[in-house]
Amino acid sequence: MNIKHWSPSHREGVFWMAVLLLAVVLLLMLTQKVAGLLLG
């Protein structure tokens, strides 16, 4: 991942990578909450 080679055309890829990361974080939080409810 060399930032020098990055151009505006890669911005969409970065955007989707951020969206995917956010989705994973939300999913983890949701699973943790559900696990807490089930165990608690």
C-alpha atoms as a PDB file:
ATOM      1  CA  MET A   1       0.000   0.000   0.000  1.00  0.00           C
ATOM      2  CA  ASN A   2       2.037   2.929  -1.290  1.00  0.00           C
ATOM      3  CA  ILE A   3       0.216   6.244  -0.826  1.00  0.00           C
ATOM      4  CA  LYS A   4       2.272   7.856  -3.613  1.00  0.00           C
ATOM      5  CA  HIS A   5       0.527   5.661  -6.188  1.00  0.00           C
ATOM      6  CA  TRP A   6      -2.928   6.557  -4.887  1.00  0.00           C
ATOM      7  CA  SER A   7      -5.157   8.742  -7.033  1.00  0.00           C
ATOM      8  CA  PRO A   8      -8.797  10.004  -6.771  1.00  0.00           C
ATOM      9  CA  SER A   9      -9.874   6.831  -8.616  1.00  0.00           C
ATOM     10  CA  HIS A  10      -8.919   4.804  -5.527  1.00  0.00           C
ATOM     11  CA  ARG A  11     -11.142   6.928  -3.302  1.00  0.00           C
ATOM     12  CA  GLU A  12     -14.126   4.673  -3.997  1.00  0.00           C
ATOM     13  CA  GLY A  13     -12.154   1.617  -2.879  1.00  0.00           C
ATOM     14  CA  VAL A  14     -11.129   3.378   0.317  1.00  0.00           C
ATOM     15  CA  PHE A  15     -14.746   4.389   0.905  1.00  0.00           C
ATOM     16  CA  TRP A  16     -15.983   0.801   0.576  1.00  0.00           C
ATOM     17  CA  MET A  17     -13.167  -0.425   2.818  1.00  0.00           C
ATOM     18  CA  ALA A  18     -14.297   2.059   5.491  1.00  0.00           C
ATOM     19  CA  VAL A  19     -17.948   0.998   5.070  1.00  0.00           C
ATOM     20  CA  LEU A  20     -16.973  -2.664   5.427  1.00  0.00           C
ATOM     21  CA  LEU A  21     -14.934  -1.903   8.553  1.00  0.00           C
ATOM     22  CA  LEU A  22     -17.856   0.011  10.058  1.00  0.00           C
ATOM     23  CA  ALA A  23     -20.217  -2.878   9.278  1.00  0.00           C
ATOM     24  CA  VAL A  24     -17.859  -5.345  10.990  1.00  0.00           C
ATOM     25  CA  VAL A  25     -17.596  -3.118  14.083  1.00  0.00           C
ATOM     26  CA  LEU A  26     -21.390  -2.757  14.295  1.00  0.00           C
ATOM     27  CA  LEU A  27     -21.808  -6.502  13.862  1.00  0.00           C
ATOM     28  CA  LEU A  28     -19.320  -7.187  16.666  1.00  0.00           C
ATOM     29  CA  MET A  29     -21.099  -4.727  18.964  1.00  0.00           C
ATOM     30  CA  LEU A  30     -24.457  -6.317  18.148  1.00  0.00           C
ATOM     31  CA  THR A  31     -23.143  -9.840  18.785  1.00  0.00           C
ATOM     32  CA  GLN A  32     -21.613  -8.702  22.065  1.00  0.00           C
ATOM     33  CA  LYS A  33     -24.930  -7.152  23.111  1.00  0.00           C
ATOM     34  CA  VAL A  34     -26.899 -10.277  22.169  1.00  0.00           C
ATOM     35  CA  ALA A  35     -24.361 -12.497  23.964  1.00  0.00           C
ATOM     36  CA  GLY A  36     -24.661 -10.260  27.025  1.00  0.00           C
ATOM     37  CA  LEU A  37     -28.438 -10.587  26.991  1.00  0.00           C
ATOM     38  CA  LEU A  38     -28.281 -14.363  26.563  1.00  0.00           C
ATOM     39  CA  LEU A  39     -25.629 -14.894  29.240  1.00  0.00           C
ATOM     40  CA  GLY A  40     -26.876 -12.227  31.629  1.00  0.00           C
END
